[in-house]
Protein backbone atom coordinates (compact mmCIF):
# COMPACT_ATOMS: atom_id res chain seq x y z
CA MET A 1 -26.43 -56.46 55.60
CA LEU A 2 -25.89 -54.91 52.19
CA ALA A 3 -22.95 -55.09 49.80
CA ILE A 4 -21.93 -53.82 46.38
CA ILE A 5 -19.87 -56.29 44.36
CA LYS A 6 -18.10 -55.98 41.02
CA THR A 7 -18.19 -58.81 38.48
CA GLY A 8 -18.23 -58.97 34.70
CA GLY A 9 -17.48 -55.25 34.37
CA LYS A 10 -20.67 -54.31 36.24
CA GLN A 11 -21.59 -53.49 39.84
CA TYR A 12 -24.46 -55.16 41.71
CA LYS A 13 -26.15 -54.25 44.99
CA VAL A 14 -26.79 -57.49 46.91
CA ALA A 15 -28.16 -58.65 50.24
CA GLU A 16 -28.26 -62.13 51.78
CA GLY A 17 -30.91 -64.29 50.11
CA ASP A 18 -31.01 -62.27 46.86
CA LYS A 19 -31.03 -63.99 43.45
CA ILE A 20 -29.31 -61.98 40.71
CA LYS A 21 -28.41 -62.59 37.06
CA ILE A 22 -24.78 -61.72 36.28
CA GLU A 23 -22.50 -62.11 33.28
CA LYS A 24 -21.61 -65.77 32.67
CA ILE A 25 -19.05 -67.32 35.00
CA GLU A 26 -17.75 -70.88 34.85
CA GLY A 27 -19.39 -73.51 37.04
CA GLU A 28 -22.30 -75.92 37.34
CA ALA A 29 -25.58 -75.44 39.19
CA GLY A 30 -25.07 -75.99 42.92
CA GLU A 31 -21.40 -74.93 43.01
CA LYS A 32 -20.17 -72.27 45.45
CA VAL A 33 -18.71 -68.99 44.15
CA THR A 34 -16.82 -66.28 46.05
CA PHE A 35 -16.75 -62.63 44.95
CA SER A 36 -13.68 -60.89 46.39
CA GLU A 37 -14.12 -57.53 44.61
CA VAL A 38 -16.35 -55.86 47.23
CA LEU A 39 -16.76 -52.06 46.98
CA PHE A 40 -19.18 -51.42 49.88
CA VAL A 41 -20.43 -53.28 52.95
CA GLY A 42 -22.90 -51.83 55.39
CA ASP A 43 -26.09 -51.95 57.44
CA GLU A 44 -27.99 -49.49 59.68
CA LYS A 45 -25.16 -49.34 62.28
CA ASP A 46 -21.87 -49.68 60.39
CA VAL A 47 -20.64 -48.73 56.90
CA LYS A 48 -17.36 -49.63 55.16
CA ILE A 49 -16.45 -48.04 51.85
CA GLY A 50 -13.45 -49.27 49.86
CA SER A 51 -11.01 -47.21 47.89
CA PRO A 52 -11.56 -48.92 45.51
CA LEU A 53 -11.94 -52.34 47.25
CA ILE A 54 -12.39 -53.44 50.86
CA GLU A 55 -9.50 -55.59 52.13
CA GLY A 56 -10.59 -59.06 53.29
CA ALA A 57 -14.28 -58.63 52.42
CA LYS A 58 -15.98 -61.31 50.36
CA VAL A 59 -19.44 -62.38 49.28
CA GLU A 60 -20.27 -66.08 49.02
CA ALA A 61 -22.93 -67.31 46.60
CA THR A 62 -24.32 -70.49 45.05
CA ILE A 63 -24.89 -70.92 41.31
CA VAL A 64 -28.59 -71.56 40.66
CA ASP A 65 -28.75 -71.65 36.87
CA GLN A 66 -26.78 -71.09 33.66
CA GLY A 67 -28.85 -69.71 30.80
CA ARG A 68 -29.40 -67.27 27.96
CA HIS A 69 -31.47 -64.07 27.83
CA LYS A 70 -34.16 -63.41 25.23
CA LYS A 71 -33.00 -62.69 21.69
CA VAL A 72 -32.14 -59.09 20.80
CA TRP A 73 -32.38 -58.20 17.11
CA GLY A 74 -30.09 -55.81 15.26
CA ILE A 75 -29.78 -54.53 11.70
CA LYS A 76 -26.75 -53.43 9.66
CA HIS A 77 -27.58 -51.13 6.76
CA LYS A 78 -25.62 -49.12 4.21
CA ALA A 79 -27.55 -46.42 2.37
CA LYS A 80 -27.75 -46.61 -1.44
CA LYS A 81 -25.66 -49.82 -1.58
CA ARG A 82 -28.42 -52.50 -1.43
CA TYR A 83 -26.87 -53.87 1.76
CA LYS A 84 -28.97 -54.90 4.73
CA VAL A 85 -28.28 -57.66 7.27
CA LYS A 86 -30.53 -58.65 10.16
CA PHE A 87 -28.91 -60.52 13.06
CA GLY A 88 -29.83 -61.75 16.51
CA HIS A 89 -27.90 -62.21 19.75
CA ARG A 90 -28.62 -64.09 22.98
CA GLN A 91 -26.40 -63.08 25.92
CA LEU A 92 -25.26 -65.79 28.34
CA PHE A 93 -25.95 -65.30 32.05
CA THR A 94 -25.42 -67.03 35.39
CA GLU A 95 -28.07 -66.77 38.11
CA VAL A 96 -26.60 -66.82 41.62
CA GLU A 97 -28.11 -66.75 45.11
CA ILE A 98 -26.23 -64.75 47.75
CA ASN A 99 -25.55 -66.86 50.86
CA LYS A 100 -23.20 -64.85 53.06
CA ILE A 101 -21.59 -61.40 53.23
CA ALA A 102 -18.35 -61.43 55.25
């Protein structure tokens, strides 16, 4: 069984047993999470496509970890003004394991 879910402004293709890193959502490790914004559900025999969402479909997952990605560096610069700033950013993420697609 395969599904496409929408969370954090992005879309993810998931199957049961997958571990994915998504934008940070509230919760502790071990808590259950339900994604109700399901765009596609299907397997070899049957396919359901939402317009835009599928009514009553949901994907259940368990939070595995809360963390931060590696640091990404950026630079601000203004020509001929002696202005240069270097900055870093670490994006927060939540790692979830997909348990059930219903």
